[in-house]
């Protein structure tokens, strides 16, 4: 999979060189490229924003640098997916990550200030599939944090990135429920015991207990998931 990220703060993504995603980049499982939007400007100050039409606070990102960036990054791509993190977008869920993990080429455009000129999204739709995606019902200073979260959620689903693929099956949200609680040694820690069923060796009973814990935890913490 190839992922291109466009931002005015490319160093924000230095952390993606660490851990499993860093290894996936080194081995070629993920071709992750970080770009500076200012490289597609043509003025001395490398300007990427201007005042909004109609008035209002803040600045809006200019369309031409974005168009140039998207043109160049999608030139050799047959069916790219162009993602723009936005509080006005669809909510990013585990099923979104699963869907994106099957794409060959993803371009993520990180907005800043009051956002990107709306015409950029219209233009981008002529280059590939456009999706505005939100991490949740809150506002961040820019799209970088959301982009990093999406890259990690998608990247770990690519075969070979996570060492034990079985661990992906039993995680929260994979089956619509939250994950069951996990324990390790020692069995008694500061007067707190590991549930006895986990020490029984009865794998059928353990599986039943874990599913019951998923249902109980989901009902208590995220009843909206059960409604869905």
C-alpha atoms as a PDB file:
ATOM      1  CA  UNK A   1       0.000   0.000   0.000  1.00  0.00           C
ATOM      2  CA  UNK A   2       1.129   3.535  -0.790  1.00  0.00           C
ATOM      3  CA  UNK A   3       0.105   6.408   1.479  1.00  0.00           C
ATOM      4  CA  UNK A   4       0.930  10.032   0.656  1.00  0.00           C
ATOM      5  CA  UNK A   5       0.360  12.678   3.318  1.00  0.00           C
ATOM      6  CA  UNK A   6       0.303  16.412   2.572  1.00  0.00           C
ATOM      7  CA  UNK A   7       0.732  18.844   5.458  1.00  0.00           C
ATOM      8  CA  UNK A   8       2.326  22.189   6.270  1.00  0.00           C
ATOM      9  CA  UNK A   9       3.918  20.449   9.273  1.00  0.00           C
ATOM     10  CA  UNK A  10       5.576  17.345   7.790  1.00  0.00           C
ATOM     11  CA  UNK A  11       7.761  16.777  10.870  1.00  0.00           C
ATOM     12  CA  UNK A  12       4.545  16.016  12.766  1.00  0.00           C
ATOM     13  CA  UNK A  13       4.752  12.526  11.284  1.00  0.00           C
ATOM     14  CA  UNK A  14       8.252  11.634  12.455  1.00  0.00           C
ATOM     15  CA  UNK A  15       6.722   9.307  15.050  1.00  0.00           C
ATOM     16  CA  UNK A  16       5.489   6.996  12.306  1.00  0.00           C
ATOM     17  CA  UNK A  17       9.072   5.788  11.920  1.00  0.00           C
ATOM     18  CA  UNK A  18       8.696   3.948  15.238  1.00  0.00           C
ATOM     19  CA  UNK A  19       7.310   0.559  16.262  1.00  0.00           C
ATOM     20  CA  UNK A  20       5.329  -1.692  13.905  1.00  0.00           C
ATOM     21  CA  UNK A  21       4.614   0.959  11.284  1.00  0.00           C
ATOM     22  CA  UNK A  22       8.275   1.899  11.168  1.00  0.00           C
ATOM     23  CA  UNK A  23       9.206  -1.728  10.533  1.00  0.00           C
ATOM     24  CA  UNK A  24       6.472  -2.004   7.895  1.00  0.00           C
ATOM     25  CA  UNK A  25       7.979   0.982   6.081  1.00  0.00           C
ATOM     26  CA  UNK A  26      11.475  -0.507   6.266  1.00  0.00           C
ATOM     27  CA  UNK A  27      10.335  -3.851   4.838  1.00  0.00           C
ATOM     28  CA  UNK A  28       8.206  -2.271   2.112  1.00  0.00           C
ATOM     29  CA  UNK A  29       4.803  -3.383   3.373  1.00  0.00           C
ATOM     30  CA  UNK A  30       3.785   0.277   3.497  1.00  0.00           C
ATOM     31  CA  UNK A  31       5.125   2.971   1.202  1.00  0.00           C
ATOM     32  CA  UNK A  32       4.509   6.048   3.352  1.00  0.00           C
ATOM     33  CA  UNK A  33       5.553   9.427   1.940  1.00  0.00           C
ATOM     34  CA  UNK A  34       5.200  12.745   3.777  1.00  0.00           C
ATOM     35  CA  UNK A  35       5.028  15.977   1.760  1.00  0.00           C
ATOM     36  CA  UNK A  36       5.119  19.690   2.598  1.00  0.00           C
ATOM     37  CA  UNK A  37       2.231  21.567   0.967  1.00  0.00           C
ATOM     38  CA  UNK A  38       4.421  24.657   0.710  1.00  0.00           C
ATOM     39  CA  UNK A  39       6.503  22.852  -1.928  1.00  0.00           C
ATOM     40  CA  UNK A  40       3.624  23.485  -4.337  1.00  0.00           C
ATOM     41  CA  UNK A  41       3.511  27.267  -3.802  1.00  0.00           C
ATOM     42  CA  UNK A  42       5.155  29.736  -6.162  1.00  0.00           C
ATOM     43  CA  UNK A  43       5.595  32.929  -4.144  1.00  0.00           C
ATOM     44  CA  UNK A  44       8.532  34.077  -2.053  1.00  0.00           C
ATOM     45  CA  UNK A  45       6.675  33.555   1.226  1.00  0.00           C
ATOM     46  CA  UNK A  46       5.352  30.102   0.274  1.00  0.00           C
ATOM     47  CA  UNK A  47       1.830  31.249   1.104  1.00  0.00           C
ATOM     48  CA  UNK A  48      -0.859  28.583   1.598  1.00  0.00           C
ATOM     49  CA  UNK A  49      -3.724  30.629   3.083  1.00  0.00           C
ATOM     50  CA  UNK A  50      -5.780  33.786   2.542  1.00  0.00           C
ATOM     51  CA  UNK A  51      -8.739  35.643   4.052  1.00  0.00           C
ATOM     52  CA  UNK A  52     -12.204  34.074   3.639  1.00  0.00           C
ATOM     53  CA  UNK A  53     -14.780  35.418   1.202  1.00  0.00           C
ATOM     54  CA  UNK A  54     -17.831  36.682   3.088  1.00  0.00           C
ATOM     55  CA  UNK A  55     -15.782  37.671   6.099  1.00  0.00           C
ATOM     56  CA  UNK A  56     -15.236  35.790   9.321  1.00  0.00           C
ATOM     57  CA  UNK A  57     -12.418  34.866  11.634  1.00  0.00           C
ATOM     58  CA  UNK A  58      -9.309  32.974  10.610  1.00  0.00           C
ATOM     59  CA  UNK A  59      -7.794  32.091   7.273  1.00  0.00           C
ATOM     60  CA  UNK A  60      -8.675  29.565   4.583  1.00  0.00           C
ATOM     61  CA  UNK A  61      -6.194  27.349   2.744  1.00  0.00           C
ATOM     62  CA  UNK A  62      -5.780  28.397  -0.893  1.00  0.00           C
ATOM     63  CA  UNK A  63      -6.922  25.967  -3.608  1.00  0.00           C
ATOM     64  CA  UNK A  64      -4.017  26.161  -6.075  1.00  0.00           C
ATOM     65  CA  UNK A  65      -1.270  24.604  -3.889  1.00  0.00           C
ATOM     66  CA  UNK A  66      -3.636  21.766  -3.065  1.00  0.00           C
ATOM     67  CA  UNK A  67      -4.546  21.201  -6.703  1.00  0.00           C
ATOM     68  CA  UNK A  68      -0.892  21.082  -7.709  1.00  0.00           C
ATOM     69  CA  UNK A  69      -0.091  18.639  -4.909  1.00  0.00           C
ATOM     70  CA  UNK A  70      -2.975  16.332  -5.739  1.00  0.00           C
ATOM     71  CA  UNK A  71      -2.213  16.469  -9.464  1.00  0.00           C
ATOM     72  CA  UNK A  72       1.368  15.395  -8.911  1.00  0.00           C
ATOM     73  CA  UNK A  73       0.660  12.718  -6.315  1.00  0.00           C
ATOM     74  CA  UNK A  74      -2.088  11.025  -8.334  1.00  0.00           C
ATOM     75  CA  UNK A  75      -0.439  11.208 -11.769  1.00  0.00           C
ATOM     76  CA  UNK A  76       0.575   7.543 -11.824  1.00  0.00           C
ATOM     77  CA  UNK A  77      -2.314   6.237  -9.722  1.00  0.00           C
ATOM     78  CA  UNK A  78      -5.274   4.536 -11.384  1.00  0.00           C
ATOM     79  CA  UNK A  79      -7.789   4.724  -8.531  1.00  0.00           C
ATOM     80  CA  UNK A  80      -6.534   6.778  -5.576  1.00  0.00           C
ATOM     81  CA  UNK A  81      -8.558   7.413  -2.441  1.00  0.00           C
ATOM     82  CA  UNK A  82      -8.258  11.034  -1.287  1.00  0.00           C
ATOM     83  CA  UNK A  83      -8.978  11.562   2.403  1.00  0.00           C
ATOM     84  CA  UNK A  84      -9.348  14.902   4.149  1.00  0.00           C
ATOM     85  CA  UNK A  85      -9.630  14.834   7.966  1.00  0.00           C
ATOM     86  CA  UNK A  86     -12.511  17.159   8.853  1.00  0.00           C
ATOM     87  CA  UNK A  87     -14.949  17.594  11.769  1.00  0.00           C
ATOM     88  CA  UNK A  88     -17.615  17.881   9.048  1.00  0.00           C
ATOM     89  CA  UNK A  89     -16.865  14.395   7.693  1.00  0.00           C
ATOM     90  CA  UNK A  90     -18.088  10.861   8.299  1.00  0.00           C
ATOM     91  CA  UNK A  91     -16.960   9.301  11.581  1.00  0.00           C
ATOM     92  CA  UNK A  92     -13.901   7.087  11.264  1.00  0.00           C
ATOM     93  CA  UNK A  93     -14.715   3.608  12.581  1.00  0.00           C
ATOM     94  CA  UNK A  94     -13.048   0.208  12.536  1.00  0.00           C
ATOM     95  CA  UNK A  95     -15.041  -0.732   9.455  1.00  0.00           C
ATOM     96  CA  UNK A  96     -13.639   2.395   7.773  1.00  0.00           C
ATOM     97  CA  UNK A  97     -10.120   1.195   8.569  1.00  0.00           C
ATOM     98  CA  UNK A  98     -10.897  -2.275   7.207  1.00  0.00           C
ATOM     99  CA  UNK A  99     -12.219  -0.772   3.987  1.00  0.00           C
ATOM    100  CA  UNK A 100      -9.222   1.508   3.499  1.00  0.00           C
ATOM    101  CA  UNK A 101      -6.769  -1.311   4.236  1.00  0.00           C
ATOM    102  CA  UNK A 102      -7.722  -2.818   0.860  1.00  0.00           C
ATOM    103  CA  UNK A 103      -6.918   0.335  -1.128  1.00  0.00           C
ATOM    104  CA  UNK A 104      -3.729   0.488  -3.180  1.00  0.00           C
ATOM    105  CA  UNK A 105      -3.124   4.231  -2.911  1.00  0.00           C
ATOM    106  CA  UNK A 106      -4.353   6.694  -0.284  1.00  0.00           C
ATOM    107  CA  UNK A 107      -3.645  10.430  -0.256  1.00  0.00           C
ATOM    108  CA  UNK A 108      -4.365  12.281   2.999  1.00  0.00           C
ATOM    109  CA  UNK A 109      -4.636  16.066   2.924  1.00  0.00           C
ATOM    110  CA  UNK A 110      -4.232  17.746   6.310  1.00  0.00           C
ATOM    111  CA  UNK A 111      -6.068  21.043   6.575  1.00  0.00           C
ATOM    112  CA  UNK A 112      -5.256  23.872   8.963  1.00  0.00           C
ATOM    113  CA  UNK A 113      -6.680  27.253   9.984  1.00  0.00           C
ATOM    114  CA  UNK A 114     -10.402  27.466   9.138  1.00  0.00           C
ATOM    115  CA  UNK A 115     -10.099  24.655   6.616  1.00  0.00           C
ATOM    116  CA  UNK A 116      -9.493  24.133   2.913  1.00  0.00           C
ATOM    117  CA  UNK A 117     -11.255  26.004   0.099  1.00  0.00           C
ATOM    118  CA  UNK A 118     -14.352  23.901  -0.674  1.00  0.00           C
ATOM    119  CA  UNK A 119     -13.521  23.801  -4.370  1.00  0.00           C
ATOM    120  CA  UNK A 120     -10.521  21.601  -3.618  1.00  0.00           C
ATOM    121  CA  UNK A 121     -12.833  18.737  -2.649  1.00  0.00           C
ATOM    122  CA  UNK A 122     -14.830  19.204  -5.829  1.00  0.00           C
ATOM    123  CA  UNK A 123     -11.662  19.162  -7.907  1.00  0.00           C
ATOM    124  CA  UNK A 124     -10.258  16.172  -6.026  1.00  0.00           C
ATOM    125  CA  UNK A 125     -13.333  14.151  -6.972  1.00  0.00           C
ATOM    126  CA  UNK A 126     -12.152  14.295 -10.591  1.00  0.00           C
ATOM    127  CA  UNK A 127      -8.934  12.524  -9.559  1.00  0.00           C
ATOM    128  CA  UNK A 128     -10.315   9.727  -7.393  1.00  0.00           C
ATOM    129  CA  UNK A 129     -12.681   8.856  -4.563  1.00  0.00           C
ATOM    130  CA  UNK A 130     -12.935  11.673  -2.017  1.00  0.00           C
ATOM    131  CA  UNK A 131     -13.799  11.074   1.636  1.00  0.00           C
ATOM    132  CA  UNK A 132     -13.996  13.653   4.417  1.00  0.00           C
ATOM    133  CA  UNK A 133     -13.403  11.781   7.655  1.00  0.00           C
ATOM    134  CA  UNK A 134     -13.699  12.804  11.321  1.00  0.00           C
ATOM    135  CA  UNK A 135     -12.232  11.141  14.407  1.00  0.00           C
ATOM    136  CA  UNK A 136     -15.229  12.262  16.442  1.00  0.00           C
ATOM    137  CA  UNK A 137     -17.440  15.125  17.477  1.00  0.00           C
ATOM    138  CA  UNK A 138     -14.717  17.568  18.440  1.00  0.00           C
ATOM    139  CA  UNK A 139     -12.361  19.978  16.701  1.00  0.00           C
ATOM    140  CA  UNK A 140      -8.571  19.761  16.440  1.00  0.00           C
ATOM    141  CA  UNK A 141      -6.134  22.457  15.341  1.00  0.00           C
ATOM    142  CA  UNK A 142      -5.414  20.587  12.124  1.00  0.00           C
ATOM    143  CA  UNK A 143      -5.654  17.263  10.353  1.00  0.00           C
ATOM    144  CA  UNK A 144      -2.280  15.842  11.380  1.00  0.00           C
ATOM    145  CA  UNK A 145      -3.359  14.062  14.573  1.00  0.00           C
ATOM    146  CA  UNK A 146      -6.342  12.539  12.803  1.00  0.00           C
ATOM    147  CA  UNK A 147      -4.173  11.473   9.871  1.00  0.00           C
ATOM    148  CA  UNK A 148      -1.718   9.708  12.165  1.00  0.00           C
ATOM    149  CA  UNK A 149      -4.539   7.872  13.923  1.00  0.00           C
ATOM    150  CA  UNK A 150      -6.009   6.758  10.600  1.00  0.00           C
ATOM    151  CA  UNK A 151      -2.650   5.634   9.236  1.00  0.00           C
ATOM    152  CA  UNK A 152      -2.016   3.495  12.316  1.00  0.00           C
ATOM    153  CA  UNK A 153      -5.533   2.025  12.318  1.00  0.00           C
ATOM    154  CA  UNK A 154      -5.316   1.167   8.617  1.00  0.00           C
ATOM    155  CA  UNK A 155      -1.655   0.164   8.538  1.00  0.00           C
ATOM    156  CA  UNK A 156      -1.931  -2.471  11.264  1.00  0.00           C
ATOM    157  CA  UNK A 157      -4.607  -4.271   9.229  1.00  0.00           C
ATOM    158  CA  UNK A 158      -2.267  -4.807   6.283  1.00  0.00           C
ATOM    159  CA  UNK A 159      -1.119  -8.450   6.264  1.00  0.00           C
ATOM    160  CA  UNK A 160       2.326  -8.818   7.798  1.00  0.00           C
ATOM    161  CA  UNK A 161       2.342  -5.598   9.815  1.00  0.00           C
ATOM    162  CA  UNK A 162       1.098  -7.179  13.059  1.00  0.00           C
ATOM    163  CA  UNK A 163       3.062 -10.302  13.952  1.00  0.00           C
ATOM    164  CA  UNK A 164       0.145 -12.392  15.243  1.00  0.00           C
ATOM    165  CA  UNK A 165      -2.904 -11.893  12.979  1.00  0.00           C
ATOM    166  CA  UNK A 166      -5.152 -13.584  15.552  1.00  0.00           C
ATOM    167  CA  UNK A 167      -4.718 -10.560  17.818  1.00  0.00           C
ATOM    168  CA  UNK A 168      -6.564  -8.450  15.247  1.00  0.00           C
ATOM    169  CA  UNK A 169      -9.655 -10.654  15.398  1.00  0.00           C
ATOM    170  CA  UNK A 170     -10.228 -10.328  19.138  1.00  0.00           C
ATOM    171  CA  UNK A 171      -9.876  -6.553  19.449  1.00  0.00           C
ATOM    172  CA  UNK A 172     -12.484  -3.969  20.345  1.00  0.00           C
ATOM    173  CA  UNK A 173     -14.883  -3.074  17.517  1.00  0.00           C
ATOM    174  CA  UNK A 174     -13.887  -5.984  15.260  1.00  0.00           C
ATOM    175  CA  UNK A 175     -17.160  -7.803  16.029  1.00  0.00           C
ATOM    176  CA  UNK A 176     -19.154  -4.742  17.069  1.00  0.00           C
ATOM    177  CA  UNK A 177     -18.320  -5.184  20.757  1.00  0.00           C
ATOM    178  CA  UNK A 178     -15.622  -3.898  23.091  1.00  0.00           C
ATOM    179  CA  UNK A 179     -12.740  -6.223  23.880  1.00  0.00           C
ATOM    180  CA  UNK A 180     -12.863  -8.454  26.976  1.00  0.00           C
ATOM    181  CA  UNK A 181     -10.486  -7.673  29.908  1.00  0.00           C
ATOM    182  CA  UNK A 182      -6.957  -9.097  29.779  1.00  0.00           C
ATOM    183  CA  UNK A 183      -4.696 -10.326  32.590  1.00  0.00           C
ATOM    184  CA  UNK A 184      -1.119 -11.608  32.973  1.00  0.00           C
ATOM    185  CA  UNK A 185       1.180 -12.894  35.743  1.00  0.00           C
ATOM    186  CA  UNK A 186       1.161 -12.767  38.722  1.00  0.00           C
ATOM    187  CA  UNK A 187      -2.266 -14.268  39.399  1.00  0.00           C
ATOM    188  CA  UNK A 188      -2.466 -12.306  42.669  1.00  0.00           C
ATOM    189  CA  UNK A 189      -1.315  -8.695  42.423  1.00  0.00           C
ATOM    190  CA  UNK A 190      -1.763  -6.290  45.354  1.00  0.00           C
ATOM    191  CA  UNK A 191      -4.584  -8.448  46.711  1.00  0.00           C
ATOM    192  CA  UNK A 192      -6.352  -8.515  43.368  1.00  0.00           C
ATOM    193  CA  UNK A 193      -6.975 -11.942  41.874  1.00  0.00           C
ATOM    194  CA  UNK A 194      -7.192 -12.944  38.240  1.00  0.00           C
ATOM    195  CA  UNK A 195     -10.678 -14.383  37.556  1.00  0.00           C
ATOM    196  CA  UNK A 196     -10.500 -18.087  38.343  1.00  0.00           C
ATOM    197  CA  UNK A 197     -12.063 -19.152  35.055  1.00  0.00           C
ATOM    198  CA  UNK A 198      -8.931 -17.988  33.215  1.00  0.00           C
ATOM    199  CA  UNK A 199      -6.821 -20.419  35.277  1.00  0.00           C
ATOM    200  CA  UNK A 200      -9.148 -23.397  34.706  1.00  0.00           C
ATOM    201  CA  UNK A 201      -7.778 -24.590  31.379  1.00  0.00           C
ATOM    202  CA  UNK A 202     -11.357 -25.009  30.121  1.00  0.00           C
ATOM    203  CA  UNK A 203     -11.129 -23.176  26.812  1.00  0.00           C
ATOM    204  CA  UNK A 204     -14.828 -23.461  26.039  1.00  0.00           C
ATOM    205  CA  UNK A 205     -15.776 -21.928  29.388  1.00  0.00           C
ATOM    206  CA  UNK A 206     -13.140 -19.236  28.936  1.00  0.00           C
ATOM    207  CA  UNK A 207     -14.537 -18.315  25.515  1.00  0.00           C
ATOM    208  CA  UNK A 208     -18.042 -18.064  26.968  1.00  0.00           C
ATOM    209  CA  UNK A 209     -16.818 -15.915  29.867  1.00  0.00           C
ATOM    210  CA  UNK A 210     -14.961 -13.597  27.534  1.00  0.00           C
ATOM    211  CA  UNK A 211     -18.005 -13.108  25.321  1.00  0.00           C
ATOM    212  CA  UNK A 212     -20.140 -12.353  28.370  1.00  0.00           C
ATOM    213  CA  UNK A 213     -17.547  -9.800  29.457  1.00  0.00           C
ATOM    214  CA  UNK A 214     -17.676  -8.180  26.016  1.00  0.00           C
ATOM    215  CA  UNK A 215     -21.448  -7.838  26.213  1.00  0.00           C
ATOM    216  CA  UNK A 216     -21.386  -6.488  29.769  1.00  0.00           C
ATOM    217  CA  UNK A 217     -18.570  -4.028  29.058  1.00  0.00           C
ATOM    218  CA  UNK A 218     -20.206  -2.791  25.860  1.00  0.00           C
ATOM    219  CA  UNK A 219     -23.565  -2.345  27.584  1.00  0.00           C
ATOM    220  CA  UNK A 220     -21.946  -0.388  30.402  1.00  0.00           C
ATOM    221  CA  UNK A 221     -19.514   1.780  28.411  1.00  0.00           C
ATOM    222  CA  UNK A 222     -20.865   1.976  24.867  1.00  0.00           C
ATOM    223  CA  UNK A 223     -24.565   1.008  24.709  1.00  0.00           C
ATOM    224  CA  UNK A 224     -24.773   2.826  21.379  1.00  0.00           C
ATOM    225  CA  UNK A 225     -22.768  -0.015  19.811  1.00  0.00           C
ATOM    226  CA  UNK A 226     -25.398  -2.544  20.847  1.00  0.00           C
ATOM    227  CA  UNK A 227     -28.086  -0.296  19.385  1.00  0.00           C
ATOM    228  CA  UNK A 228     -26.185  -0.247  16.090  1.00  0.00           C
END
